[in-house]
């Protein structure tokens, strides 16, 4: 009997390759999302530190120019935080979209894997039946030969 051959092996291999590529893209998107999250956290910390510093220096006495410079810096940090929040929202949407792509590809690969398993099971059943028939033919042939030898 022929060796088992899954006719969609090339398709399955291609889909697995695409799935790996899509998973890599998802990992990169998540990494970028984490980088944005870290930058956002750092900007919040910077804002709090500068705000605390302004409060402390205000008690000690600040010139108007120093106060305006610090306020300008606070405004810049606020702007950066808003930009990072928008970036995070966009990145989260990209991650969600890519996650759907990965899930769909995973389901497609899984479906082909199940089809391959089913066809392999059917092949194994056919091989077992063929082996049974071979054994039966061998045994019946041997019995026929023994029977013909006994009649002489």
Protein backbone atom coordinates (compact mmCIF):
# COMPACT_ATOMS: atom_id res chain seq x y z
CA UNK A 1 0.00 0.00 0.00
CA UNK A 2 1.13 3.54 -0.72
CA UNK A 3 2.55 5.79 1.96
CA UNK A 4 0.06 8.35 3.38
CA UNK A 5 0.02 11.64 1.50
CA UNK A 6 -2.07 14.64 2.54
CA UNK A 7 -3.03 16.47 -0.64
CA UNK A 8 -3.21 19.86 1.10
CA UNK A 9 0.24 19.66 2.73
CA UNK A 10 1.58 22.60 0.68
CA UNK A 11 -1.44 24.72 1.62
CA UNK A 12 -1.06 23.76 5.28
CA UNK A 13 2.64 24.59 5.20
CA UNK A 14 1.94 27.96 3.56
CA UNK A 15 -0.79 28.80 6.08
CA UNK A 16 1.53 27.90 8.97
CA UNK A 17 4.20 30.19 7.51
CA UNK A 18 1.69 33.02 7.16
CA UNK A 19 0.44 32.36 10.70
CA UNK A 20 3.99 32.60 12.06
CA UNK A 21 4.49 35.87 10.17
CA UNK A 22 1.21 37.27 11.52
CA UNK A 23 2.15 36.21 15.07
CA UNK A 24 5.48 37.99 14.66
CA UNK A 25 3.68 41.11 13.51
CA UNK A 26 1.36 40.88 16.52
CA UNK A 27 4.37 40.54 18.84
CA UNK A 28 5.93 43.66 17.28
CA UNK A 29 2.68 45.60 17.69
CA UNK A 30 2.45 44.55 21.33
CA UNK A 31 6.06 45.53 21.89
CA UNK A 32 5.37 48.96 20.40
CA UNK A 33 2.27 49.22 22.60
CA UNK A 34 4.40 48.46 25.64
CA UNK A 35 6.95 51.08 24.56
CA UNK A 36 4.16 53.67 24.31
CA UNK A 37 2.82 52.60 27.72
CA UNK A 38 6.30 52.96 29.26
CA UNK A 39 6.74 56.41 27.67
CA UNK A 40 3.32 57.44 28.97
CA UNK A 41 4.19 56.27 32.46
CA UNK A 42 7.51 58.15 32.29
CA UNK A 43 5.75 61.33 31.11
CA UNK A 44 3.27 61.11 34.01
CA UNK A 45 6.16 60.71 36.44
CA UNK A 46 7.96 63.66 34.85
CA UNK A 47 4.79 65.75 35.14
CA UNK A 48 4.35 64.89 38.82
CA UNK A 49 8.01 65.56 39.59
CA UNK A 50 7.94 68.94 37.85
CA UNK A 51 4.64 69.87 39.49
CA UNK A 52 6.10 68.97 42.88
CA UNK A 53 9.23 70.97 42.06
CA UNK A 54 7.14 74.04 41.11
CA UNK A 55 5.23 73.82 44.39
CA UNK A 56 8.44 73.50 46.38
CA UNK A 57 10.20 76.36 44.57
CA UNK A 58 7.09 78.56 44.80
CA UNK A 59 7.35 78.41 48.57
CA UNK A 60 11.02 79.37 48.38
CA UNK A 61 10.33 82.12 45.87
CA UNK A 62 10.40 82.09 42.07
CA UNK A 63 10.79 84.78 39.51
CA UNK A 64 8.04 85.17 36.94
CA UNK A 65 10.40 84.04 34.20
CA UNK A 66 11.29 80.85 36.09
CA UNK A 67 7.63 80.16 36.81
CA UNK A 68 6.66 80.69 33.15
CA UNK A 69 9.49 78.42 32.01
CA UNK A 70 8.31 75.67 34.35
CA UNK A 71 4.69 76.19 33.30
CA UNK A 72 5.78 75.96 29.65
CA UNK A 73 7.56 72.71 30.44
CA UNK A 74 4.41 71.40 32.19
CA UNK A 75 2.33 72.32 29.15
CA UNK A 76 4.79 70.52 26.91
CA UNK A 77 4.58 67.39 29.08
CA UNK A 78 0.76 67.58 29.06
CA UNK A 79 0.84 67.77 25.26
CA UNK A 80 3.21 64.80 25.13
CA UNK A 81 0.92 62.82 27.44
CA UNK A 82 -2.09 63.54 25.22
CA UNK A 83 -0.15 62.52 22.12
CA UNK A 84 0.97 59.30 23.81
CA UNK A 85 -2.61 58.55 24.87
CA UNK A 86 -3.75 58.95 21.26
CA UNK A 87 -0.85 56.76 20.09
CA UNK A 88 -1.83 54.12 22.65
CA UNK A 89 -5.45 54.12 21.46
CA UNK A 90 -4.33 53.71 17.84
CA UNK A 91 -1.86 51.00 18.80
CA UNK A 92 -4.51 49.12 20.81
CA UNK A 93 -6.79 49.17 17.75
CA UNK A 94 -3.98 47.83 15.56
CA UNK A 95 -3.26 45.10 18.11
CA UNK A 96 -6.93 44.13 18.27
CA UNK A 97 -7.17 43.99 14.48
CA UNK A 98 -3.99 41.91 14.21
CA UNK A 99 -5.21 39.60 16.98
CA UNK A 100 -8.30 38.88 14.89
CA UNK A 101 -6.11 38.09 11.88
CA UNK A 102 -4.03 35.69 14.00
CA UNK A 103 -7.15 34.02 15.41
CA UNK A 104 -8.63 33.53 11.93
CA UNK A 105 -5.36 32.09 10.62
CA UNK A 106 -5.08 29.81 13.66
CA UNK A 107 -8.58 28.50 13.05
CA UNK A 108 -7.76 27.91 9.39
CA UNK A 109 -4.59 25.99 10.23
CA UNK A 110 -6.42 24.06 12.94
CA UNK A 111 -9.14 23.08 10.45
CA UNK A 112 -6.55 21.76 8.01
CA UNK A 113 -4.76 19.92 10.84
CA UNK A 114 -8.02 18.22 11.81
CA UNK A 115 -8.71 17.29 8.19
CA UNK A 116 -5.22 15.81 7.92
CA UNK A 117 -5.74 13.81 11.14
CA UNK A 118 -9.07 12.52 9.89
CA UNK A 119 -7.60 11.47 6.54
CA UNK A 120 -4.68 9.81 8.35
CA UNK A 121 -7.11 7.87 10.54
CA UNK A 122 -9.03 6.74 7.45
CA UNK A 123 -5.76 5.72 5.81
CA UNK A 124 -4.73 3.74 8.90
CA UNK A 125 -8.10 1.94 8.91
CA UNK A 126 -7.61 1.06 5.23
CA UNK A 127 -4.08 -0.22 5.94
CA UNK A 128 -5.36 -2.33 8.82
CA UNK A 129 -8.09 -3.81 6.62
CA UNK A 130 -5.58 -4.51 3.83
CA UNK A 131 -3.29 -6.21 6.34
CA UNK A 132 -6.20 -8.28 7.65
CA UNK A 133 -7.07 -9.37 4.11
CA UNK A 134 -3.43 -10.29 3.41
CA UNK A 135 -3.29 -12.37 6.57
CA UNK A 136 -6.64 -13.99 5.74
CA UNK A 137 -5.48 -14.81 2.20
CA UNK A 138 -2.23 -16.19 3.53
CA UNK A 139 -3.98 -18.34 6.12
CA UNK A 140 -6.64 -19.55 3.69
CA UNK A 141 -3.94 -20.27 1.07
CA UNK A 142 -1.96 -22.24 3.60
CA UNK A 143 -5.05 -24.18 4.65
CA UNK A 144 -5.89 -24.92 1.01
CA UNK A 145 -2.34 -26.17 0.40
CA UNK A 146 -2.44 -28.29 3.54
CA UNK A 147 -5.83 -29.65 2.57
CA UNK A 148 -4.64 -30.55 -0.93
CA UNK A 149 -1.56 -32.25 0.50
CA UNK A 150 -3.70 -34.31 2.87
CA UNK A 151 -5.95 -35.61 0.08
CA UNK A 152 -3.09 -37.29 -1.77
